[in-house]
Protein backbone atom coordinates (compact mmCIF):
# COMPACT_ATOMS: atom_id res chain seq x y z
CA MET A 1 37.14 73.09 64.12
CA GLY A 2 35.67 72.70 67.51
CA ALA A 3 36.26 71.86 71.18
CA LEU A 4 34.73 69.81 74.00
CA ILE A 5 34.66 71.40 77.47
CA LEU A 6 34.13 69.16 80.39
CA GLY A 7 33.58 70.31 83.87
CA PRO A 8 31.31 70.01 86.97
CA SER A 9 28.36 71.42 84.91
CA GLN A 10 26.88 70.27 81.67
CA PRO A 11 29.52 69.39 78.98
CA ALA A 12 29.75 72.02 76.15
CA VAL A 13 30.54 71.40 72.52
CA LEU A 14 32.01 74.51 70.80
CA VAL A 15 31.73 74.71 67.02
CA ALA A 16 32.37 77.42 64.40
CA GLY A 17 29.80 77.56 61.71
CA GLY A 18 31.97 79.98 59.77
CA ALA A 19 34.42 77.04 59.13
CA GLY A 20 31.83 75.45 56.97
CA GLU A 21 28.44 73.93 57.64
CA ALA A 22 29.61 70.42 56.88
CA THR A 23 32.69 70.83 59.17
CA SER A 24 30.64 72.14 62.07
CA ASN A 25 28.07 69.48 61.71
CA ALA A 26 30.73 66.79 61.75
CA VAL A 27 32.45 68.23 64.81
CA ARG A 28 29.01 68.60 66.50
CA GLY A 29 28.13 64.95 65.76
CA ALA A 30 31.52 63.50 66.84
CA LEU A 31 31.99 65.40 70.01
CA GLY A 32 28.24 65.14 70.91
CA GLY A 33 28.42 61.43 70.36
CA ALA A 34 31.41 61.19 72.66
CA VAL A 35 29.39 63.06 75.40
CA THR A 36 26.42 60.71 74.80
CA ALA A 37 28.51 57.69 75.16
CA MET A 38 29.51 59.05 78.67
CA GLY A 39 25.81 59.09 79.55
CA GLN A 40 25.45 62.92 79.45
CA THR A 41 23.94 65.49 77.18
CA ALA A 42 26.11 68.20 75.63
CA LYS A 43 25.16 71.85 75.21
CA VAL A 44 26.15 72.98 71.72
CA GLU A 45 27.45 76.62 71.19
CA ASP A 46 28.21 77.99 67.87
CA VAL A 47 31.02 80.60 68.60
CA ARG A 48 31.24 81.75 64.97
CA PRO A 49 27.70 81.24 63.48
CA LEU A 50 26.94 81.85 59.82
CA PRO A 51 24.96 85.11 59.23
CA GLU A 52 21.44 85.25 58.13
CA SER A 53 22.53 86.66 54.77
CA ASP A 54 24.63 83.46 54.20
CA PRO A 55 22.96 80.70 56.34
CA HIS A 56 24.75 77.84 54.49
CA GLY A 57 28.15 79.41 53.97
CA VAL A 58 28.04 79.37 50.15
CA VAL A 59 29.06 82.97 49.52
CA PRO A 60 32.93 82.33 49.80
CA PHE A 61 32.96 79.53 47.15
CA PHE A 62 30.87 81.29 44.56
CA LEU A 63 32.76 84.59 45.16
CA VAL A 64 36.18 82.84 44.53
CA LEU A 65 34.69 81.09 41.48
CA GLY A 66 33.36 84.31 40.08
CA VAL A 67 36.59 86.20 40.53
CA SER A 68 38.58 83.37 39.04
CA ILE A 69 36.36 83.16 35.89
CA SER A 70 36.37 86.98 35.40
CA ALA A 71 40.18 86.98 35.66
CA LEU A 72 40.47 84.21 33.09
CA ILE A 73 38.05 86.09 30.73
CA TYR A 74 40.12 89.24 31.19
CA GLN A 75 43.26 87.48 30.22
CA ILE A 76 41.61 85.95 27.09
CA LEU A 77 40.66 89.52 25.97
CA ALA A 78 43.93 91.05 27.04
CA SER A 79 45.84 88.37 24.94
CA PHE A 80 44.29 89.91 21.88
CA MET A 81 44.37 93.60 22.93
CA VAL A 82 47.77 94.06 24.53
CA GLU A 83 49.67 91.06 23.19
CA ARG A 84 52.49 93.26 21.75
CA ALA A 85 52.49 95.81 24.63
CA SER A 86 55.63 96.09 26.84
CA LEU A 87 55.95 94.03 29.92
CA GLY A 88 55.38 97.08 32.07
CA ALA A 89 52.22 97.99 30.24
CA ARG A 90 50.89 94.41 30.55
CA VAL A 91 51.69 94.16 34.24
CA GLY A 92 50.15 97.60 34.76
CA ALA A 93 46.92 96.48 33.06
CA MET A 94 46.89 93.34 35.29
CA VAL A 95 47.32 95.44 38.40
CA GLY A 96 44.45 97.78 37.28
CA PHE A 97 42.12 94.85 36.59
CA ALA A 98 42.96 93.14 39.82
CA VAL A 99 42.27 96.41 41.81
CA LEU A 100 38.94 96.86 39.96
CA ASP A 101 37.95 93.19 40.44
CA GLY A 102 38.75 93.36 44.08
CA LEU A 103 36.68 96.51 44.67
CA ILE A 104 33.69 95.18 42.76
CA ALA A 105 33.85 91.90 44.83
CA GLY A 106 34.07 93.94 47.97
CA VAL A 107 31.00 95.96 46.94
CA ALA A 108 29.00 92.95 45.75
CA VAL A 109 29.52 90.93 48.98
CA GLY A 110 30.77 93.36 51.56
CA LEU A 111 28.16 95.97 51.00
CA VAL A 112 25.24 94.45 49.16
CA LEU A 113 25.06 91.24 51.28
CA GLY A 114 25.75 93.12 54.52
CA PHE A 115 29.45 92.23 55.26
CA ASP A 116 30.27 95.94 55.59
CA ALA A 117 33.09 95.36 58.10
CA SER A 118 34.80 92.93 55.66
CA PHE A 119 34.85 95.28 52.63
CA TRP A 120 38.57 96.07 52.62
CA PRO A 121 39.90 92.66 53.61
CA LEU A 122 37.62 91.07 51.02
CA ALA A 123 38.67 93.46 48.36
CA VAL A 124 42.40 92.79 49.04
CA VAL A 125 41.95 89.05 48.88
CA CYS A 126 39.82 89.07 45.74
CA GLY A 127 42.20 91.54 44.10
CA ALA A 128 45.09 89.25 44.94
CA LEU A 129 43.25 86.27 43.53
CA ALA A 130 42.45 88.03 40.30
CA PHE A 131 46.07 89.09 39.92
CA ALA A 132 47.25 85.47 40.57
CA ILE A 133 44.85 83.99 38.12
CA VAL A 134 45.65 86.65 35.44
CA ALA A 135 49.40 86.31 35.87
CA ALA A 136 49.32 82.50 35.89
CA THR A 137 47.26 82.45 32.63
CA ALA A 138 49.63 84.96 31.03
CA ALA A 139 52.60 82.69 32.06
CA LEU A 140 51.04 79.67 30.65
CA GLN A 141 50.21 81.52 27.42
CA ALA A 142 53.79 82.73 27.19
CA ALA A 143 55.05 79.20 27.60
CA PHE A 144 52.45 77.31 25.36
CA GLY A 145 50.88 80.02 23.17
CA ARG A 146 47.10 80.12 22.82
CA PRO A 147 46.66 76.64 24.29
CA GLY A 148 48.05 78.01 27.52
CA ILE A 149 44.73 79.72 28.15
CA GLY A 150 42.93 76.34 28.04
CA ILE A 151 45.62 74.82 30.26
CA SER A 152 44.98 77.63 32.81
CA ALA A 153 41.21 77.13 32.56
CA LEU A 154 41.59 73.41 33.18
CA PHE A 155 44.23 73.37 35.96
CA VAL A 156 44.28 76.77 37.62
CA VAL A 157 40.52 77.47 37.50
CA ILE A 158 38.63 74.13 37.28
CA LEU A 159 41.15 71.98 39.26
CA GLY A 160 41.47 74.84 41.67
CA ALA A 161 37.74 75.02 42.30
CA ALA A 162 37.63 71.20 42.67
CA THR A 163 40.49 71.13 45.19
CA SER A 164 39.32 74.22 47.12
CA GLY A 165 36.75 72.19 49.00
CA SER A 166 33.94 74.30 47.57
CA ILE A 167 31.10 74.50 50.06
CA VAL A 168 32.02 71.59 52.36
CA GLY A 169 35.59 72.50 52.97
CA PRO A 170 38.93 70.84 52.16
CA ASP A 171 38.78 68.48 55.16
CA PHE A 172 36.35 66.27 53.26
CA LEU A 173 38.41 66.06 50.15
CA PRO A 174 40.63 63.08 49.08
CA ASP A 175 44.17 63.18 50.33
CA ALA A 176 45.62 64.37 46.92
CA PHE A 177 43.10 67.22 46.61
CA ARG A 178 43.41 68.21 50.31
CA SER A 179 47.11 68.59 49.81
CA LEU A 180 46.68 70.86 46.67
CA SER A 181 44.04 72.98 48.16
CA PRO A 182 46.25 75.43 50.22
CA VAL A 183 48.79 75.91 47.41
CA LEU A 184 46.48 76.58 44.44
CA PRO A 185 44.99 80.12 44.02
CA SER A 186 41.32 79.11 44.54
CA GLY A 187 41.93 77.12 47.71
CA ALA A 188 44.14 79.74 49.29
CA ALA A 189 41.61 82.52 48.31
CA LEU A 190 38.74 80.46 49.74
CA SER A 191 40.41 80.12 53.12
CA ALA A 192 41.10 83.85 53.11
CA VAL A 193 37.65 84.84 52.18
CA ARG A 194 36.20 82.63 54.96
CA GLY A 195 38.54 84.41 57.30
CA ALA A 196 37.59 87.84 55.96
CA LEU A 197 33.85 87.19 56.26
CA TYR A 198 33.43 85.05 59.29
CA PHE A 199 36.54 85.47 61.49
CA ASP A 200 37.16 89.13 61.53
CA ALA A 201 39.88 88.97 58.85
CA ALA A 202 41.92 86.40 60.83
CA GLY A 203 44.24 84.02 59.04
CA LEU A 204 44.81 86.00 55.94
CA ALA A 205 48.65 86.15 55.91
CA SER A 206 49.39 82.68 54.66
CA PRO A 207 46.86 82.63 51.87
CA LEU A 208 47.96 86.12 50.61
CA LEU A 209 51.57 84.80 50.70
CA VAL A 210 50.51 81.89 48.42
CA LEU A 211 48.75 84.24 46.05
CA SER A 212 51.65 86.66 45.97
CA GLY A 213 53.92 83.75 45.16
CA TRP A 214 51.80 82.81 42.15
CA VAL A 215 52.02 86.44 41.01
CA VAL A 216 55.77 86.80 41.46
CA VAL A 217 56.67 83.47 39.71
CA SER A 218 54.19 84.00 36.93
CA VAL A 219 55.34 87.53 36.10
CA ALA A 220 58.98 86.38 36.23
CA ILE A 221 58.11 83.53 33.76
CA VAL A 222 56.43 86.05 31.39
CA ALA A 223 59.46 88.39 31.61
CA ARG A 224 62.02 85.67 31.09
CA LEU A 225 60.27 84.11 28.08
CA GLY A 226 59.65 87.52 26.61
CA ALA A 227 63.36 88.41 26.96
CA TRP A 228 64.41 85.11 25.45
CA ARG A 229 62.13 85.48 22.45
CA THR A 230 63.30 89.01 21.95
CA HIS A 231 66.92 87.92 22.02
CA ARG A 232 66.19 85.00 19.59
CA THR A 233 64.48 87.39 17.18
CA SER A 234 67.37 89.85 17.32
CA ALA A 235 69.85 87.14 16.73
CA ARG A 236 67.89 85.85 13.71
CA GLN A 237 67.67 89.35 12.25
CA ALA A 238 71.47 89.74 12.76
CA ARG A 239 72.24 86.52 10.95
CA LEU A 240 69.91 87.60 8.07
CA ALA A 241 71.62 90.98 7.91
CA ALA A 242 75.15 89.33 7.86
CA ALA A 243 74.07 87.03 5.13
């Protein structure tokens, strides 16, 4: 993310540190090198510098990782506590946890670390991420039983963190991982958190749509499998009664 401005005065290289330290350094090096090859010296301007409270841009990744792990732990506990609850009660508990997790994330980063203006966008993004992780884990558990929690930990959380781009950003990932980044919860949330913290809450719509998609599909899977198991149990009981 950057631009090279050429004119009668000194060339200017514009970078955005908020897009990631590695990305801005790469853009600065590439465009600055092009100007040097023309026999000139570029003036570098960071139009979205990283704040003093997060000079290397590590807060978004660790925030997303923390929310993802807390959501996975919640679902592990919920699988024992509300396993036989109705679908409405389970979804209600998911919503309650997601709201609480989002607010805690907003307080921890938005207020404690000085991103006061980002509190509500951050809370919404982190709440959506928590809901997506919890719902996806519940869907995998509904499909595969207890092993579904391990599958979620491996693919949704661990693979999600690996394909998100972590601190360096998705642009430096291998092609396969770069393609997965925007469609997995962690990658989508990381992009949205960067937008909330460093770009005045810009670019949140697409990541939030991805997270909403995970929620809707996952809850639909839980509902469908629950209805199928209830129907199968009722049919078995009816056959036993008839016998």
